């Protein structure tokens, strides 16, 4: 019986939300250009104004509609490592107890190859 409960719990915590439109759910990995000291202090890059971060795409919405009513699919997919910026429309959310960012696809700058 314990195995059945464990399976159910794992499936239940898979993903608690599904993004809508062109929204992308990203789990932040680190800020590009920053480093962390042994005691946990974050040191900015040389410029001191690095605004983009690296993250892992967890989920995407189905895409947005263009003026003709045709759906434009999101270009990134779950599992992609991306560089993104936290735009004005980005929301910080907790999913499964971990910090994530829910943002528009337009805030995704690049996909790591």
PDB file of N, CA and C in Angstrom:
ATOM      1  N   UNK A   1       0.815  -1.190   0.000  1.00  0.00           N
ATOM      2  CA  UNK A   1       0.000   0.000   0.000  1.00  0.00           C
ATOM      3  C   UNK A   1       0.861   1.259   0.000  1.00  0.00           C
ATOM      4  N   UNK A   2       2.013   1.195   0.627  1.00  0.00           N
ATOM      5  CA  UNK A   2       2.899   2.357   0.667  1.00  0.00           C
ATOM      6  C   UNK A   2       3.375   2.730  -0.730  1.00  0.00           C
ATOM      7  N   UNK A   3       3.598   1.732  -1.596  1.00  0.00           N
ATOM      8  CA  UNK A   3       4.049   2.017  -2.952  1.00  0.00           C
ATOM      9  C   UNK A   3       2.986   2.788  -3.733  1.00  0.00           C
ATOM     10  N   UNK A   4       1.734   2.405  -3.598  1.00  0.00           N
ATOM     11  CA  UNK A   4       0.657   3.099  -4.304  1.00  0.00           C
ATOM     12  C   UNK A   4       0.569   4.551  -3.859  1.00  0.00           C
ATOM     13  N   UNK A   5       0.725   4.796  -2.573  1.00  0.00           N
ATOM     14  CA  UNK A   5       0.687   6.162  -2.052  1.00  0.00           C
ATOM     15  C   UNK A   5       1.859   6.969  -2.590  1.00  0.00           C
ATOM     16  N   UNK A   6       3.041   6.371  -2.634  1.00  0.00           N
ATOM     17  CA  UNK A   6       4.223   7.068  -3.138  1.00  0.00           C
ATOM     18  C   UNK A   6       4.038   7.440  -4.608  1.00  0.00           C
ATOM     19  N   UNK A   7       3.478   6.530  -5.408  1.00  0.00           N
ATOM     20  CA  UNK A   7       3.250   6.814  -6.820  1.00  0.00           C
ATOM     21  C   UNK A   7       2.256   7.955  -6.987  1.00  0.00           C
ATOM     22  N   UNK A   8       1.194   7.931  -6.202  1.00  0.00           N
ATOM     23  CA  UNK A   8       0.180   8.965  -6.290  1.00  0.00           C
ATOM     24  C   UNK A   8       0.771  10.322  -5.907  1.00  0.00           C
ATOM     25  N   UNK A   9       1.581  10.351  -4.854  1.00  0.00           N
ATOM     26  CA  UNK A   9       2.192  11.604  -4.409  1.00  0.00           C
ATOM     27  C   UNK A   9       3.118  12.167  -5.478  1.00  0.00           C
ATOM     28  N   UNK A  10       3.910  11.315  -6.110  1.00  0.00           N
ATOM     29  CA  UNK A  10       4.834  11.772  -7.150  1.00  0.00           C
ATOM     30  C   UNK A  10       4.059  12.350  -8.326  1.00  0.00           C
ATOM     31  N   UNK A  11       2.976  11.703  -8.712  1.00  0.00           N
ATOM     32  CA  UNK A  11       2.172  12.192  -9.826  1.00  0.00           C
ATOM     33  C   UNK A  11       1.466  13.493  -9.459  1.00  0.00           C
ATOM     34  N   UNK A  12       1.016  13.595  -8.228  1.00  0.00           N
ATOM     35  CA  UNK A  12       0.287  14.785  -7.790  1.00  0.00           C
ATOM     36  C   UNK A  12       1.182  16.010  -7.733  1.00  0.00           C
ATOM     37  N   UNK A  13       2.471  15.818  -7.437  1.00  0.00           N
ATOM     38  CA  UNK A  13       3.374  16.967  -7.331  1.00  0.00           C
ATOM     39  C   UNK A  13       4.093  17.262  -8.641  1.00  0.00           C
ATOM     40  N   UNK A  14       3.752  16.549  -9.703  1.00  0.00           N
ATOM     41  CA  UNK A  14       4.412  16.763 -10.991  1.00  0.00           C
ATOM     42  C   UNK A  14       4.356  18.227 -11.412  1.00  0.00           C
ATOM     43  N   UNK A  15       3.164  18.782 -11.533  1.00  0.00           N
ATOM     44  CA  UNK A  15       3.021  20.186 -11.892  1.00  0.00           C
ATOM     45  C   UNK A  15       1.655  20.668 -11.422  1.00  0.00           C
ATOM     46  N   UNK A  16       1.665  21.720 -10.639  1.00  0.00           N
ATOM     47  CA  UNK A  16       0.432  22.212 -10.041  1.00  0.00           C
ATOM     48  C   UNK A  16      -0.272  23.261 -10.899  1.00  0.00           C
ATOM     49  N   UNK A  17       0.429  23.820 -11.888  1.00  0.00           N
ATOM     50  CA  UNK A  17      -0.181  24.851 -12.729  1.00  0.00           C
ATOM     51  C   UNK A  17       0.165  24.616 -14.192  1.00  0.00           C
ATOM     52  N   UNK A  18      -0.690  25.128 -15.065  1.00  0.00           N
ATOM     53  CA  UNK A  18      -0.449  25.060 -16.511  1.00  0.00           C
ATOM     54  C   UNK A  18      -0.497  26.485 -17.055  1.00  0.00           C
ATOM     55  N   UNK A  19       0.594  26.981 -17.618  1.00  0.00           N
ATOM     56  CA  UNK A  19       0.613  28.345 -18.154  1.00  0.00           C
ATOM     57  C   UNK A  19      -0.397  28.522 -19.288  1.00  0.00           C
ATOM     58  N   UNK A  20      -0.922  29.728 -19.414  1.00  0.00           N
ATOM     59  CA  UNK A  20      -1.866  30.071 -20.477  1.00  0.00           C
ATOM     60  C   UNK A  20      -1.187  30.959 -21.511  1.00  0.00           C
ATOM     61  N   UNK A  21      -1.763  31.016 -22.712  1.00  0.00           N
ATOM     62  CA  UNK A  21      -1.252  31.897 -23.760  1.00  0.00           C
ATOM     63  C   UNK A  21       0.206  31.630 -24.070  1.00  0.00           C
ATOM     64  N   UNK A  22       0.994  32.708 -24.138  1.00  0.00           N
ATOM     65  CA  UNK A  22       2.424  32.553 -24.450  1.00  0.00           C
ATOM     66  C   UNK A  22       3.276  32.596 -23.188  1.00  0.00           C
ATOM     67  N   UNK A  23       2.688  32.247 -22.057  1.00  0.00           N
ATOM     68  CA  UNK A  23       3.426  32.257 -20.789  1.00  0.00           C
ATOM     69  C   UNK A  23       4.349  31.046 -20.708  1.00  0.00           C
ATOM     70  N   UNK A  24       5.483  31.248 -20.018  1.00  0.00           N
ATOM     71  CA  UNK A  24       6.489  30.205 -19.836  1.00  0.00           C
ATOM     72  C   UNK A  24       6.792  30.115 -18.348  1.00  0.00           C
ATOM     73  N   UNK A  25       6.780  28.912 -17.801  1.00  0.00           N
ATOM     74  CA  UNK A  25       7.130  28.687 -16.399  1.00  0.00           C
ATOM     75  C   UNK A  25       8.590  28.262 -16.355  1.00  0.00           C
ATOM     76  N   UNK A  26       9.417  29.059 -15.672  1.00  0.00           N
ATOM     77  CA  UNK A  26      10.864  28.841 -15.649  1.00  0.00           C
ATOM     78  C   UNK A  26      11.340  28.660 -14.218  1.00  0.00           C
ATOM     79  N   UNK A  27      12.179  27.647 -14.010  1.00  0.00           N
ATOM     80  CA  UNK A  27      12.839  27.466 -12.718  1.00  0.00           C
ATOM     81  C   UNK A  27      14.211  28.127 -12.834  1.00  0.00           C
ATOM     82  N   UNK A  28      14.439  29.239 -12.106  1.00  0.00           N
ATOM     83  CA  UNK A  28      15.727  29.933 -12.213  1.00  0.00           C
ATOM     84  C   UNK A  28      16.886  29.044 -11.783  1.00  0.00           C
ATOM     85  N   UNK A  29      18.000  29.143 -12.527  1.00  0.00           N
ATOM     86  CA  UNK A  29      19.209  28.401 -12.177  1.00  0.00           C
ATOM     87  C   UNK A  29      20.226  29.336 -11.549  1.00  0.00           C
ATOM     88  N   UNK A  30      20.572  30.417 -12.243  1.00  0.00           N
ATOM     89  CA  UNK A  30      21.489  31.411 -11.689  1.00  0.00           C
ATOM     90  C   UNK A  30      21.451  32.657 -12.547  1.00  0.00           C
ATOM     91  N   UNK A  31      21.967  33.749 -11.996  1.00  0.00           N
ATOM     92  CA  UNK A  31      22.066  34.985 -12.763  1.00  0.00           C
ATOM     93  C   UNK A  31      23.384  34.968 -13.520  1.00  0.00           C
ATOM     94  N   UNK A  32      23.344  35.272 -14.788  1.00  0.00           N
ATOM     95  CA  UNK A  32      24.546  35.283 -15.612  1.00  0.00           C
ATOM     96  C   UNK A  32      25.428  36.441 -15.158  1.00  0.00           C
ATOM     97  N   UNK A  33      26.722  36.161 -14.976  1.00  0.00           N
ATOM     98  CA  UNK A  33      27.658  37.201 -14.579  1.00  0.00           C
ATOM     99  C   UNK A  33      27.828  37.331 -13.080  1.00  0.00           C
ATOM    100  N   UNK A  34      27.039  36.592 -12.302  1.00  0.00           N
ATOM    101  CA  UNK A  34      27.170  36.659 -10.852  1.00  0.00           C
ATOM    102  C   UNK A  34      27.956  35.463 -10.342  1.00  0.00           C
ATOM    103  N   UNK A  35      28.536  35.624  -9.181  1.00  0.00           N
ATOM    104  CA  UNK A  35      29.166  34.501  -8.505  1.00  0.00           C
ATOM    105  C   UNK A  35      28.807  34.593  -7.032  1.00  0.00           C
ATOM    106  N   UNK A  36      28.940  33.484  -6.337  1.00  0.00           N
ATOM    107  CA  UNK A  36      28.568  33.425  -4.932  1.00  0.00           C
ATOM    108  C   UNK A  36      29.787  33.052  -4.106  1.00  0.00           C
ATOM    109  N   UNK A  37      29.986  33.747  -2.981  1.00  0.00           N
ATOM    110  CA  UNK A  37      31.105  33.436  -2.095  1.00  0.00           C
ATOM    111  C   UNK A  37      30.773  32.198  -1.274  1.00  0.00           C
ATOM    112  N   UNK A  38      31.772  31.646  -0.581  1.00  0.00           N
ATOM    113  CA  UNK A  38      31.565  30.462   0.252  1.00  0.00           C
ATOM    114  C   UNK A  38      30.533  30.731   1.344  1.00  0.00           C
ATOM    115  N   UNK A  39      30.455  31.966   1.810  1.00  0.00           N
ATOM    116  CA  UNK A  39      29.495  32.296   2.868  1.00  0.00           C
ATOM    117  C   UNK A  39      28.116  32.648   2.323  1.00  0.00           C
ATOM    118  N   UNK A  40      27.954  32.630   0.993  1.00  0.00           N
ATOM    119  CA  UNK A  40      26.641  32.836   0.401  1.00  0.00           C
ATOM    120  C   UNK A  40      26.366  34.226  -0.132  1.00  0.00           C
ATOM    121  N   UNK A  41      27.338  35.136  -0.045  1.00  0.00           N
ATOM    122  CA  UNK A  41      27.137  36.473  -0.597  1.00  0.00           C
ATOM    123  C   UNK A  41      27.178  36.415  -2.121  1.00  0.00           C
ATOM    124  N   UNK A  42      26.269  37.141  -2.764  1.00  0.00           N
ATOM    125  CA  UNK A  42      26.230  37.181  -4.222  1.00  0.00           C
ATOM    126  C   UNK A  42      27.024  38.385  -4.701  1.00  0.00           C
ATOM    127  N   UNK A  43      27.991  38.123  -5.582  1.00  0.00           N
ATOM    128  CA  UNK A  43      28.821  39.185  -6.144  1.00  0.00           C
ATOM    129  C   UNK A  43      28.379  39.438  -7.576  1.00  0.00           C
ATOM    130  N   UNK A  44      28.028  40.678  -7.923  1.00  0.00           N
ATOM    131  CA  UNK A  44      27.611  40.959  -9.298  1.00  0.00           C
ATOM    132  C   UNK A  44      28.780  40.839 -10.261  1.00  0.00           C
ATOM    133  N   UNK A  45      28.465  40.716 -11.547  1.00  0.00           N
ATOM    134  CA  UNK A  45      29.498  40.671 -12.575  1.00  0.00           C
ATOM    135  C   UNK A  45      30.215  42.004 -12.663  1.00  0.00           C
ATOM    136  N   UNK A  46      31.185  42.096 -13.549  1.00  0.00           N
ATOM    137  CA  UNK A  46      31.981  43.325 -13.684  1.00  0.00           C
ATOM    138  C   UNK A  46      31.117  44.548 -13.956  1.00  0.00           C
ATOM    139  N   UNK A  47      30.117  44.385 -14.780  1.00  0.00           N
ATOM    140  CA  UNK A  47      29.271  45.521 -15.127  1.00  0.00           C
ATOM    141  C   UNK A  47      28.387  45.926 -13.955  1.00  0.00           C
ATOM    142  N   UNK A  48      28.016  44.968 -13.113  1.00  0.00           N
ATOM    143  CA  UNK A  48      27.168  45.261 -11.972  1.00  0.00           C
ATOM    144  C   UNK A  48      25.707  45.464 -12.326  1.00  0.00           C
ATOM    145  N   UNK A  49      25.375  45.355 -13.598  1.00  0.00           N
ATOM    146  CA  UNK A  49      23.986  45.569 -13.992  1.00  0.00           C
ATOM    147  C   UNK A  49      23.454  44.417 -14.838  1.00  0.00           C
ATOM    148  N   UNK A  50      23.967  43.230 -14.612  1.00  0.00           N
ATOM    149  CA  UNK A  50      23.496  42.060 -15.356  1.00  0.00           C
ATOM    150  C   UNK A  50      22.028  41.831 -15.008  1.00  0.00           C
ATOM    151  N   UNK A  51      21.165  41.801 -16.011  1.00  0.00           N
ATOM    152  CA  UNK A  51      19.746  41.687 -15.739  1.00  0.00           C
ATOM    153  C   UNK A  51      19.143  40.392 -16.251  1.00  0.00           C
ATOM    154  N   UNK A  52      19.917  39.583 -16.928  1.00  0.00           N
ATOM    155  CA  UNK A  52      19.358  38.331 -17.420  1.00  0.00           C
ATOM    156  C   UNK A  52      19.801  37.178 -16.525  1.00  0.00           C
ATOM    157  N   UNK A  53      19.012  36.122 -16.568  1.00  0.00           N
ATOM    158  CA  UNK A  53      19.260  34.947 -15.739  1.00  0.00           C
ATOM    159  C   UNK A  53      19.176  33.701 -16.598  1.00  0.00           C
ATOM    160  N   UNK A  54      19.716  32.610 -16.061  1.00  0.00           N
ATOM    161  CA  UNK A  54      19.572  31.299 -16.698  1.00  0.00           C
ATOM    162  C   UNK A  54      18.459  30.564 -15.978  1.00  0.00           C
ATOM    163  N   UNK A  55      17.731  29.746 -16.722  1.00  0.00           N
ATOM    164  CA  UNK A  55      16.669  28.978 -16.099  1.00  0.00           C
ATOM    165  C   UNK A  55      16.311  27.762 -16.924  1.00  0.00           C
ATOM    166  N   UNK A  56      15.528  26.904 -16.315  1.00  0.00           N
ATOM    167  CA  UNK A  56      15.057  25.678 -16.949  1.00  0.00           C
ATOM    168  C   UNK A  56      13.566  25.816 -17.204  1.00  0.00           C
ATOM    169  N   UNK A  57      13.146  25.654 -18.455  1.00  0.00           N
ATOM    170  CA  UNK A  57      11.726  25.730 -18.793  1.00  0.00           C
ATOM    171  C   UNK A  57      11.039  24.489 -18.232  1.00  0.00           C
ATOM    172  N   UNK A  58      10.026  24.720 -17.406  1.00  0.00           N
ATOM    173  CA  UNK A  58       9.284  23.628 -16.781  1.00  0.00           C
ATOM    174  C   UNK A  58       8.007  23.343 -17.572  1.00  0.00           C
ATOM    175  N   UNK A  59       7.338  24.390 -18.040  1.00  0.00           N
ATOM    176  CA  UNK A  59       6.093  24.228 -18.800  1.00  0.00           C
ATOM    177  C   UNK A  59       5.855  25.475 -19.640  1.00  0.00           C
ATOM    178  N   UNK A  60       5.061  25.314 -20.703  1.00  0.00           N
ATOM    179  CA  UNK A  60       4.706  26.453 -21.553  1.00  0.00           C
ATOM    180  C   UNK A  60       3.213  26.434 -21.825  1.00  0.00           C
ATOM    181  N   UNK A  61       2.697  27.605 -22.163  1.00  0.00           N
ATOM    182  CA  UNK A  61       1.319  27.689 -22.611  1.00  0.00           C
ATOM    183  C   UNK A  61       1.236  27.266 -24.069  1.00  0.00           C
ATOM    184  N   UNK A  62       0.026  27.207 -24.629  1.00  0.00           N
ATOM    185  CA  UNK A  62      -0.145  26.772 -26.016  1.00  0.00           C
ATOM    186  C   UNK A  62       0.264  27.818 -27.046  1.00  0.00           C
ATOM    187  N   UNK A  63       0.462  29.055 -26.633  1.00  0.00           N
ATOM    188  CA  UNK A  63       0.841  30.122 -27.555  1.00  0.00           C
ATOM    189  C   UNK A  63      -0.217  31.213 -27.583  1.00  0.00           C
ATOM    190  N   UNK A  64       0.088  32.284 -28.295  1.00  0.00           N
ATOM    191  CA  UNK A  64      -0.851  33.408 -28.392  1.00  0.00           C
ATOM    192  C   UNK A  64      -1.452  33.436 -29.793  1.00  0.00           C
ATOM    193  N   UNK A  65      -2.511  34.223 -29.937  1.00  0.00           N
ATOM    194  CA  UNK A  65      -3.157  34.372 -31.238  1.00  0.00           C
ATOM    195  C   UNK A  65      -2.661  35.636 -31.924  1.00  0.00           C
ATOM    196  N   UNK A  66      -2.467  35.562 -33.253  1.00  0.00           N
ATOM    197  CA  UNK A  66      -2.094  36.759 -34.007  1.00  0.00           C
ATOM    198  C   UNK A  66      -3.361  37.498 -34.434  1.00  0.00           C
ATOM    199  N   UNK A  67      -3.207  38.575 -35.196  1.00  0.00           N
ATOM    200  CA  UNK A  67      -4.346  39.412 -35.601  1.00  0.00           C
ATOM    201  C   UNK A  67      -5.359  38.657 -36.466  1.00  0.00           C
ATOM    202  N   UNK A  68      -4.903  37.628 -37.176  1.00  0.00           N
ATOM    203  CA  UNK A  68      -5.805  36.840 -38.027  1.00  0.00           C
ATOM    204  C   UNK A  68      -6.482  35.707 -37.264  1.00  0.00           C
ATOM    205  N   UNK A  69      -6.194  35.573 -35.990  1.00  0.00           N
ATOM    206  CA  UNK A  69      -6.813  34.526 -35.185  1.00  0.00           C
ATOM    207  C   UNK A  69      -6.081  33.195 -35.225  1.00  0.00           C
ATOM    208  N   UNK A  70      -4.886  33.169 -35.796  1.00  0.00           N
ATOM    209  CA  UNK A  70      -4.098  31.939 -35.867  1.00  0.00           C
ATOM    210  C   UNK A  70      -3.202  31.851 -34.629  1.00  0.00           C
ATOM    211  N   UNK A  71      -3.158  30.665 -34.023  1.00  0.00           N
ATOM    212  CA  UNK A  71      -2.328  30.489 -32.830  1.00  0.00           C
ATOM    213  C   UNK A  71      -0.861  30.369 -33.222  1.00  0.00           C
ATOM    214  N   UNK A  72      -0.028  31.176 -32.567  1.00  0.00           N
ATOM    215  CA  UNK A  72       1.419  31.118 -32.758  1.00  0.00           C
ATOM    216  C   UNK A  72       2.001  30.340 -31.589  1.00  0.00           C
ATOM    217  N   UNK A  73       2.550  29.176 -31.867  1.00  0.00           N
ATOM    218  CA  UNK A  73       3.071  28.324 -30.805  1.00  0.00           C
ATOM    219  C   UNK A  73       4.309  28.926 -30.161  1.00  0.00           C
ATOM    220  N   UNK A  74       4.503  28.580 -28.899  1.00  0.00           N
ATOM    221  CA  UNK A  74       5.678  29.016 -28.151  1.00  0.00           C
ATOM    222  C   UNK A  74       6.895  28.285 -28.718  1.00  0.00           C
ATOM    223  N   UNK A  75       8.028  28.995 -28.843  1.00  0.00           N
ATOM    224  CA  UNK A  75       9.228  28.410 -29.446  1.00  0.00           C
ATOM    225  C   UNK A  75      10.039  27.552 -28.488  1.00  0.00           C
ATOM    226  N   UNK A  76       9.907  27.772 -27.184  1.00  0.00           N
ATOM    227  CA  UNK A  76      10.654  26.971 -26.215  1.00  0.00           C
ATOM    228  C   UNK A  76       9.790  25.805 -25.757  1.00  0.00           C
ATOM    229  N   UNK A  77      10.443  24.805 -25.165  1.00  0.00           N
ATOM    230  CA  UNK A  77       9.698  23.639 -24.674  1.00  0.00           C
ATOM    231  C   UNK A  77      10.247  23.226 -23.314  1.00  0.00           C
ATOM    232  N   UNK A  78       9.478  22.440 -22.597  1.00  0.00           N
ATOM    233  CA  UNK A  78       9.914  21.945 -21.290  1.00  0.00           C
ATOM    234  C   UNK A  78      11.251  21.232 -21.441  1.00  0.00           C
ATOM    235  N   UNK A  79      12.180  21.538 -20.545  1.00  0.00           N
ATOM    236  CA  UNK A  79      13.507  20.934 -20.589  1.00  0.00           C
ATOM    237  C   UNK A  79      14.570  21.834 -21.194  1.00  0.00           C
ATOM    238  N   UNK A  80      14.159  22.880 -21.926  1.00  0.00           N
ATOM    239  CA  UNK A  80      15.131  23.817 -22.508  1.00  0.00           C
ATOM    240  C   UNK A  80      15.784  24.650 -21.412  1.00  0.00           C
ATOM    241  N   UNK A  81      17.098  24.864 -21.542  1.00  0.00           N
ATOM    242  CA  UNK A  81      17.791  25.817 -20.671  1.00  0.00           C
ATOM    243  C   UNK A  81      17.820  27.134 -21.429  1.00  0.00           C
ATOM    244  N   UNK A  82      17.337  28.186 -20.780  1.00  0.00           N
ATOM    245  CA  UNK A  82      17.185  29.471 -21.453  1.00  0.00           C
ATOM    246  C   UNK A  82      17.818  30.606 -20.661  1.00  0.00           C
ATOM    247  N   UNK A  83      18.060  31.704 -21.356  1.00  0.00           N
ATOM    248  CA  UNK A  83      18.424  32.973 -20.728  1.00  0.00           C
ATOM    249  C   UNK A  83      17.158  33.809 -20.801  1.00  0.00           C
ATOM    250  N   UNK A  84      16.798  34.441 -19.696  1.00  0.00           N
ATOM    251  CA  UNK A  84      15.580  35.240 -19.672  1.00  0.00           C
ATOM    252  C   UNK A  84      15.781  36.481 -18.819  1.00  0.00           C
ATOM    253  N   UNK A  85      14.888  37.439 -19.008  1.00  0.00           N
ATOM    254  CA  UNK A  85      14.893  38.633 -18.162  1.00  0.00           C
ATOM    255  C   UNK A  85      13.559  38.681 -17.430  1.00  0.00           C
ATOM    256  N   UNK A  86      13.582  39.274 -16.272  1.00  0.00           N
ATOM    257  CA  UNK A  86      12.344  39.420 -15.506  1.00  0.00           C
ATOM    258  C   UNK A  86      11.687  40.717 -15.939  1.00  0.00           C
ATOM    259  N   UNK A  87      10.768  40.614 -16.870  1.00  0.00           N
ATOM    260  CA  UNK A  87      10.058  41.789 -17.364  1.00  0.00           C
ATOM    261  C   UNK A  87       9.030  42.271 -16.358  1.00  0.00           C
ATOM    262  N   UNK A  88       8.371  43.362 -16.711  1.00  0.00           N
ATOM    263  CA  UNK A  88       7.369  43.932 -15.816  1.00  0.00           C
ATOM    264  C   UNK A  88       6.212  42.968 -15.572  1.00  0.00           C
ATOM    265  N   UNK A  89       5.979  42.058 -16.507  1.00  0.00           N
ATOM    266  CA  UNK A  89       4.855  41.130 -16.376  1.00  0.00           C
ATOM    267  C   UNK A  89       5.243  39.789 -15.754  1.00  0.00           C
ATOM    268  N   UNK A  90       6.486  39.647 -15.324  1.00  0.00           N
ATOM    269  CA  UNK A  90       6.934  38.382 -14.720  1.00  0.00           C
ATOM    270  C   UNK A  90       6.367  38.249 -13.310  1.00  0.00           C
ATOM    271  N   UNK A  91       5.924  37.065 -12.981  1.00  0.00           N
ATOM    272  CA  UNK A  91       5.386  36.769 -11.653  1.00  0.00           C
ATOM    273  C   UNK A  91       6.254  35.704 -11.003  1.00  0.00           C
ATOM    274  N   UNK A  92       6.622  35.926  -9.763  1.00  0.00           N
ATOM    275  CA  UNK A  92       7.350  34.909  -9.010  1.00  0.00           C
ATOM    276  C   UNK A  92       6.321  34.031  -8.319  1.00  0.00           C
ATOM    277  N   UNK A  93       6.410  32.710  -8.547  1.00  0.00           N
ATOM    278  CA  UNK A  93       5.459  31.761  -7.975  1.00  0.00           C
ATOM    279  C   UNK A  93       6.214  30.590  -7.363  1.00  0.00           C
ATOM    280  N   UNK A  94       5.572  29.918  -6.432  1.00  0.00           N
ATOM    281  CA  UNK A  94       6.139  28.699  -5.850  1.00  0.00           C
ATOM    282  C   UNK A  94       5.370  27.517  -6.418  1.00  0.00           C
ATOM    283  N   UNK A  95       6.090  26.551  -6.938  1.00  0.00           N
ATOM    284  CA  UNK A  95       5.495  25.325  -7.464  1.00  0.00           C
ATOM    285  C   UNK A  95       6.232  24.173  -6.814  1.00  0.00           C
ATOM    286  N   UNK A  96       5.514  23.328  -6.105  1.00  0.00           N
ATOM    287  CA  UNK A  96       6.158  22.213  -5.412  1.00  0.00           C
ATOM    288  C   UNK A  96       7.152  22.688  -4.370  1.00  0.00           C
ATOM    289  N   UNK A  97       6.916  23.867  -3.793  1.00  0.00           N
ATOM    290  CA  UNK A  97       7.796  24.403  -2.765  1.00  0.00           C
ATOM    291  C   UNK A  97       9.049  25.080  -3.297  1.00  0.00           C
ATOM    292  N   UNK A  98       9.200  25.155  -4.621  1.00  0.00           N
ATOM    293  CA  UNK A  98      10.390  25.771  -5.219  1.00  0.00           C
ATOM    294  C   UNK A  98      10.011  27.050  -5.958  1.00  0.00           C
ATOM    295  N   UNK A  99      10.950  28.004  -6.000  1.00  0.00           N
ATOM    296  CA  UNK A  99      10.723  29.277  -6.682  1.00  0.00           C
ATOM    297  C   UNK A  99      10.752  29.097  -8.196  1.00  0.00           C
ATOM    298  N   UNK A 100       9.800  29.721  -8.865  1.00  0.00           N
ATOM    299  CA  UNK A 100       9.714  29.726 -10.321  1.00  0.00           C
ATOM    300  C   UNK A 100       9.336  31.125 -10.780  1.00  0.00           C
ATOM    301  N   UNK A 101       9.509  31.378 -12.060  1.00  0.00           N
ATOM    302  CA  UNK A 101       9.095  32.637 -12.673  1.00  0.00           C
ATOM    303  C   UNK A 101       8.116  32.296 -13.792  1.00  0.00           C
ATOM    304  N   UNK A 102       6.969  32.963 -13.783  1.00  0.00           N
ATOM    305  CA  UNK A 102       5.972  32.811 -14.838  1.00  0.00           C
ATOM    306  C   UNK A 102       6.004  34.103 -15.646  1.00  0.00           C
ATOM    307  N   UNK A 103       6.398  34.005 -16.911  1.00  0.00           N
ATOM    308  CA  UNK A 103       6.622  35.212 -17.710  1.00  0.00           C
ATOM    309  C   UNK A 103       6.213  34.983 -19.159  1.00  0.00           C
ATOM    310  N   UNK A 104       6.102  36.059 -19.911  1.00  0.00           N
ATOM    311  CA  UNK A 104       5.790  35.964 -21.341  1.00  0.00           C
ATOM    312  C   UNK A 104       6.992  35.424 -22.104  1.00  0.00           C
ATOM    313  N   UNK A 105       6.718  34.753 -23.204  1.00  0.00           N
ATOM    314  CA  UNK A 105       7.805  34.223 -24.023  1.00  0.00           C
ATOM    315  C   UNK A 105       8.712  35.338 -24.534  1.00  0.00           C
ATOM    316  N   UNK A 106       8.193  36.534 -24.673  1.00  0.00           N
ATOM    317  CA  UNK A 106       9.013  37.649 -25.170  1.00  0.00           C
ATOM    318  C   UNK A 106      10.146  38.001 -24.212  1.00  0.00           C
ATOM    319  N   UNK A 107      10.077  37.546 -22.966  1.00  0.00           N
ATOM    320  CA  UNK A 107      11.151  37.785 -22.001  1.00  0.00           C
ATOM    321  C   UNK A 107      12.238  36.714 -22.059  1.00  0.00           C
ATOM    322  N   UNK A 108      12.043  35.687 -22.886  1.00  0.00           N
ATOM    323  CA  UNK A 108      13.074  34.668 -23.087  1.00  0.00           C
ATOM    324  C   UNK A 108      14.008  35.188 -24.173  1.00  0.00           C
ATOM    325  N   UNK A 109      15.278  35.314 -23.822  1.00  0.00           N
ATOM    326  CA  UNK A 109      16.258  35.915 -24.731  1.00  0.00           C
ATOM    327  C   UNK A 109      16.938  34.905 -25.640  1.00  0.00           C
ATOM    328  N   UNK A 110      17.216  33.695 -25.126  1.00  0.00           N
ATOM    329  CA  UNK A 110      17.957  32.705 -25.910  1.00  0.00           C
ATOM    330  C   UNK A 110      17.761  31.319 -25.321  1.00  0.00           C
ATOM    331  N   UNK A 111      17.980  30.313 -26.163  1.00  0.00           N
ATOM    332  CA  UNK A 111      17.979  28.913 -25.734  1.00  0.00           C
ATOM    333  C   UNK A 111      19.420  28.440 -25.781  1.00  0.00           C
ATOM    334  N   UNK A 112      19.896  27.827 -24.691  1.00  0.00           N
ATOM    335  CA  UNK A 112      21.261  27.285 -24.692  1.00  0.00           C
ATOM    336  C   UNK A 112      21.306  26.064 -25.592  1.00  0.00           C
ATOM    337  N   UNK A 113      22.343  25.975 -26.403  1.00  0.00           N
ATOM    338  CA  UNK A 113      22.503  24.847 -27.329  1.00  0.00           C
ATOM    339  C   UNK A 113      23.391  23.782 -26.744  1.00  0.00           C
TER     340      UNK A 113
END
